């Protein structure tokens, strides 16, 4: 009799306890949340991976370097950590050539096609550290480093080899006379026969604004367009200087 009485409460217990129901409910809710997070996160990650670090956002950012303020479209800025308004030490840009446009889905091949080195220009904008730009340094510095006779390189350019002791390795200097303007000068690491030009094997720096240096790089396969590239870079940066800057003429030219 005692044994049957002791077992009775066990027979009257529910098959599923309230505690277990709560745990099952929480598990289902948690599973739904995880599923939604994976779905949303997967789409977000997929979009990020598809962009490959680029930005399609054309929002204008107000960025200040030293005494100069520029208004730069976000999709022209190369590095994500630089895509914010405010003071900064440097801005790295990439632009299509000849369109001078930032990244978009329609132009993604220009930014992602590693087989084409002539599709982009690379700009680095920072505060000037030298009183003269590359054209201004031509006579007092570079001419002292020339080695051997110059030769014509076509498209109005003259090629100068540099001394082995100059510190520029295998680079050469290409110059061109410009009526009414300082001579053009650009340093290049020209590809050897059978080699392909890279996307940044030529570089030149110019002064813009109050105290900015714009170092721009481009493929040596674009040297035929040197004068158009120089004008386009100067125009692009100059047009994005704060409107209060009246004199945007380069220093040292």
Protein backbone atom coordinates (compact mmCIF):
# COMPACT_ATOMS: atom_id res chain seq x y z
CA UNK A 1 0.00 0.00 0.00
CA UNK A 2 2.77 2.39 0.85
CA UNK A 3 4.63 1.52 -2.36
CA UNK A 4 1.56 2.34 -4.54
CA UNK A 5 1.01 5.63 -2.72
CA UNK A 6 4.61 6.65 -3.26
CA UNK A 7 4.45 5.98 -7.00
CA UNK A 8 1.19 7.84 -7.56
CA UNK A 9 2.65 11.36 -7.80
CA UNK A 10 5.07 10.18 -10.48
CA UNK A 11 2.19 8.89 -12.62
CA UNK A 12 0.36 12.26 -12.41
CA UNK A 13 3.34 14.38 -13.58
CA UNK A 14 3.02 15.95 -17.10
CA UNK A 15 5.04 14.35 -19.88
CA UNK A 16 6.70 17.72 -20.67
CA UNK A 17 7.52 20.06 -17.81
CA UNK A 18 7.06 23.82 -17.94
CA UNK A 19 10.80 24.27 -17.63
CA UNK A 20 11.43 22.07 -20.65
CA UNK A 21 8.81 23.97 -22.66
CA UNK A 22 10.55 27.25 -21.84
CA UNK A 23 13.90 25.81 -22.90
CA UNK A 24 12.47 24.49 -26.17
CA UNK A 25 10.81 27.83 -26.90
CA UNK A 26 14.02 29.73 -26.20
CA UNK A 27 15.96 27.31 -28.40
CA UNK A 28 13.53 27.83 -31.29
CA UNK A 29 13.67 31.62 -30.88
CA UNK A 30 17.47 31.52 -30.72
CA UNK A 31 17.59 29.33 -33.83
CA UNK A 32 15.36 31.81 -35.69
CA UNK A 33 17.57 34.71 -34.62
CA UNK A 34 20.72 32.88 -35.73
CA UNK A 35 19.12 32.00 -39.07
CA UNK A 36 18.10 35.63 -39.65
CA UNK A 37 21.56 36.83 -38.63
CA UNK A 38 23.24 34.41 -41.03
CA UNK A 39 20.88 35.45 -43.82
CA UNK A 40 21.31 39.18 -43.29
CA UNK A 41 25.00 38.90 -42.47
CA UNK A 42 25.57 36.66 -45.47
CA UNK A 43 24.00 39.19 -47.81
CA UNK A 44 26.01 42.01 -46.20
CA UNK A 45 29.24 40.02 -46.35
CA UNK A 46 28.48 39.00 -49.92
CA UNK A 47 28.03 42.61 -50.91
CA UNK A 48 31.24 43.58 -49.12
CA UNK A 49 33.14 40.79 -50.82
CA UNK A 50 31.67 41.74 -54.18
CA UNK A 51 32.81 45.33 -53.67
CA UNK A 52 36.27 44.10 -52.77
CA UNK A 53 36.97 47.05 -50.49
CA UNK A 54 35.59 49.61 -52.94
CA UNK A 55 32.75 52.00 -52.16
CA UNK A 56 29.95 53.00 -54.52
CA UNK A 57 28.88 55.82 -52.21
CA UNK A 58 29.23 59.19 -53.95
CA UNK A 59 28.71 61.19 -50.74
CA UNK A 60 31.02 64.22 -50.60
CA UNK A 61 33.40 64.16 -47.62
CA UNK A 62 34.96 67.36 -46.28
CA UNK A 63 38.59 66.58 -45.49
CA UNK A 64 41.23 68.97 -44.16
CA UNK A 65 44.98 68.63 -44.67
CA UNK A 66 46.97 71.42 -43.05
CA UNK A 67 45.60 74.71 -44.37
CA UNK A 68 43.60 73.14 -47.19
CA UNK A 69 40.11 71.66 -47.16
CA UNK A 70 38.94 69.39 -49.96
CA UNK A 71 35.52 67.98 -50.79
CA UNK A 72 36.13 64.46 -52.05
CA UNK A 73 33.57 61.88 -53.29
CA UNK A 74 33.78 58.80 -51.07
CA UNK A 75 33.93 56.38 -54.02
CA UNK A 76 37.21 57.91 -55.21
CA UNK A 77 39.02 57.13 -51.92
CA UNK A 78 41.06 53.92 -52.05
CA UNK A 79 41.15 52.90 -48.40
CA UNK A 80 38.11 52.39 -46.17
CA UNK A 81 39.80 53.87 -43.08
CA UNK A 82 40.23 57.18 -44.92
CA UNK A 83 36.55 57.49 -45.88
CA UNK A 84 35.51 59.99 -43.22
CA UNK A 85 35.22 63.75 -42.97
CA UNK A 86 37.56 65.76 -40.76
CA UNK A 87 41.29 66.45 -40.39
CA UNK A 88 43.64 63.91 -41.97
CA UNK A 89 47.28 63.63 -42.90
CA UNK A 90 46.81 62.01 -46.29
CA UNK A 91 44.19 61.02 -48.82
CA UNK A 92 44.75 58.21 -51.33
CA UNK A 93 42.56 58.30 -54.42
CA UNK A 94 42.07 56.15 -57.50
CA UNK A 95 40.39 57.43 -60.64
CA UNK A 96 39.55 55.98 -64.01
CA UNK A 97 41.44 57.22 -67.02
CA UNK A 98 40.40 59.16 -68.99
CA UNK A 99 37.08 59.64 -67.19
CA UNK A 100 38.56 60.71 -63.81
CA UNK A 101 35.67 58.95 -62.03
CA UNK A 102 35.42 56.89 -58.85
CA UNK A 103 34.24 53.33 -58.35
CA UNK A 104 30.80 52.14 -59.47
CA UNK A 105 29.34 48.82 -60.61
CA UNK A 106 29.33 50.12 -64.17
CA UNK A 107 33.05 50.91 -63.92
CA UNK A 108 34.12 47.96 -61.78
CA UNK A 109 36.17 46.38 -64.59
CA UNK A 110 38.48 49.39 -64.58
CA UNK A 111 39.21 48.83 -60.87
CA UNK A 112 39.38 45.02 -60.84
CA UNK A 113 40.96 44.14 -64.19
CA UNK A 114 44.54 43.24 -63.28
CA UNK A 115 45.31 42.61 -66.95
CA UNK A 116 44.91 46.31 -67.76
CA UNK A 117 47.39 48.67 -66.13
CA UNK A 118 46.27 51.70 -68.13
CA UNK A 119 42.78 52.08 -66.67
CA UNK A 120 43.53 53.91 -63.41
CA UNK A 121 45.44 56.86 -62.00
CA UNK A 122 46.55 56.80 -58.36
CA UNK A 123 46.77 60.04 -56.37
CA UNK A 124 48.19 60.71 -52.92
CA UNK A 125 47.39 64.10 -51.42
CA UNK A 126 49.35 65.31 -48.39
CA UNK A 127 50.85 68.46 -46.88
CA UNK A 128 53.90 69.70 -48.73
CA UNK A 129 57.25 68.81 -47.23
CA UNK A 130 59.40 70.40 -49.99
CA UNK A 131 59.36 73.94 -51.28
CA UNK A 132 59.51 72.81 -54.91
CA UNK A 133 57.57 70.18 -56.82
CA UNK A 134 59.13 67.86 -59.39
CA UNK A 135 59.20 70.50 -62.12
CA UNK A 136 60.77 72.95 -59.67
CA UNK A 137 63.43 70.40 -58.71
CA UNK A 138 64.41 69.68 -62.30
CA UNK A 139 67.13 72.32 -62.75
CA UNK A 140 68.65 72.50 -59.24
CA UNK A 141 68.58 68.77 -58.49
CA UNK A 142 67.76 66.33 -61.28
CA UNK A 143 70.00 67.85 -63.94
CA UNK A 144 72.95 67.23 -61.61
CA UNK A 145 72.11 63.51 -61.65
CA UNK A 146 71.86 63.01 -65.42
CA UNK A 147 74.16 60.33 -66.84
CA UNK A 148 75.02 60.21 -70.54
CA UNK A 149 73.28 61.84 -73.47
CA UNK A 150 69.52 62.37 -73.45
CA UNK A 151 67.41 60.81 -76.18
CA UNK A 152 64.01 61.43 -77.64
CA UNK A 153 61.25 59.24 -76.26
CA UNK A 154 58.45 60.43 -78.52
CA UNK A 155 55.35 62.50 -77.78
CA UNK A 156 57.53 65.49 -76.92
CA UNK A 157 59.37 63.64 -74.15
CA UNK A 158 63.12 63.42 -73.62
CA UNK A 159 64.58 60.50 -71.65
CA UNK A 160 67.45 61.05 -69.20
CA UNK A 161 69.31 58.23 -67.48
CA UNK A 162 70.30 58.87 -63.86
CA UNK A 163 73.64 58.13 -62.22
CA UNK A 164 73.97 54.84 -60.38
CA UNK A 165 74.85 56.83 -57.28
CA UNK A 166 71.65 58.91 -57.48
CA UNK A 167 69.65 56.51 -55.30
CA UNK A 168 66.93 56.06 -57.91
CA UNK A 169 67.98 52.59 -59.03
CA UNK A 170 66.86 51.83 -62.57
CA UNK A 171 64.48 54.77 -62.80
CA UNK A 172 64.79 57.32 -65.58
CA UNK A 173 63.59 60.90 -65.79
CA UNK A 174 61.43 62.02 -68.68
CA UNK A 175 61.09 65.72 -69.40
CA UNK A 176 59.18 67.90 -71.85
CA UNK A 177 59.24 71.59 -72.62
CA UNK A 178 55.94 73.45 -72.19
CA UNK A 179 55.70 76.95 -73.67
CA UNK A 180 54.84 79.48 -70.99
CA UNK A 181 55.10 76.86 -68.22
CA UNK A 182 57.87 75.14 -66.28
CA UNK A 183 59.19 71.99 -67.93
CA UNK A 184 57.31 68.77 -67.29
CA UNK A 185 59.23 66.08 -65.38
CA UNK A 186 58.26 62.53 -64.40
CA UNK A 187 60.24 59.59 -62.98
CA UNK A 188 59.56 56.15 -64.42
CA UNK A 189 60.74 52.59 -63.99
CA UNK A 190 60.26 51.54 -67.60
CA UNK A 191 59.60 47.86 -68.32
CA UNK A 192 62.30 45.87 -70.07
CA UNK A 193 61.65 44.35 -73.47
CA UNK A 194 58.97 41.68 -73.16
CA UNK A 195 57.80 42.90 -69.75
CA UNK A 196 54.47 44.51 -69.07
CA UNK A 197 54.03 48.00 -67.70
CA UNK A 198 52.58 48.15 -64.20
CA UNK A 199 49.79 50.43 -63.01
CA UNK A 200 52.12 52.83 -61.21
CA UNK A 201 55.59 52.68 -62.75
CA UNK A 202 55.61 56.44 -63.44
CA UNK A 203 55.23 59.10 -60.75
CA UNK A 204 55.18 62.86 -60.56
CA UNK A 205 54.34 65.38 -57.85
CA UNK A 206 52.78 68.82 -58.15
CA UNK A 207 51.82 71.58 -55.72
CA UNK A 208 48.16 72.58 -55.48
CA UNK A 209 46.23 74.86 -53.12
CA UNK A 210 47.88 76.61 -50.20
CA UNK A 211 50.19 73.83 -49.09
CA UNK A 212 49.32 70.53 -50.77
CA UNK A 213 51.49 68.06 -52.64
CA UNK A 214 49.73 65.72 -55.05
CA UNK A 215 51.86 62.70 -55.88
CA UNK A 216 50.27 60.86 -58.76
CA UNK A 217 51.21 57.55 -60.34
CA UNK A 218 50.22 56.04 -63.65
CA UNK A 219 51.27 53.33 -66.07
CA UNK A 220 54.17 54.02 -68.41
CA UNK A 221 51.86 52.75 -71.17
CA UNK A 222 50.05 56.09 -70.77
CA UNK A 223 53.10 58.30 -71.31
CA UNK A 224 51.69 59.34 -74.69
CA UNK A 225 49.00 61.20 -72.70
CA UNK A 226 51.38 62.81 -70.20
CA UNK A 227 50.20 66.39 -70.83
CA UNK A 228 46.49 65.47 -70.62
CA UNK A 229 47.06 63.45 -67.43
CA UNK A 230 48.93 66.29 -65.75
CA UNK A 231 46.20 68.79 -66.61
CA UNK A 232 43.43 66.40 -65.52
CA UNK A 233 45.02 65.69 -62.12
CA UNK A 234 45.59 69.37 -61.42
CA UNK A 235 42.02 70.19 -62.49
CA UNK A 236 40.47 67.36 -60.44
CA UNK A 237 42.16 68.35 -57.19
CA UNK A 238 41.88 72.10 -57.80
CA UNK A 239 38.15 71.85 -58.44
CA UNK A 240 37.66 70.13 -55.07
CA UNK A 241 39.48 72.67 -52.97
CA UNK A 242 37.37 74.73 -50.60
CA UNK A 243 35.80 77.70 -52.39
CA UNK A 244 37.54 80.11 -50.00
CA UNK A 245 40.86 79.24 -51.59
CA UNK A 246 41.31 81.82 -54.30
CA UNK A 247 44.83 81.10 -55.43
CA UNK A 248 45.24 77.41 -56.27
CA UNK A 249 48.30 77.95 -58.45
CA UNK A 250 51.00 75.35 -57.75
CA UNK A 251 54.15 76.30 -55.89
CA UNK A 252 57.53 75.87 -57.46
CA UNK A 253 56.25 75.75 -61.06
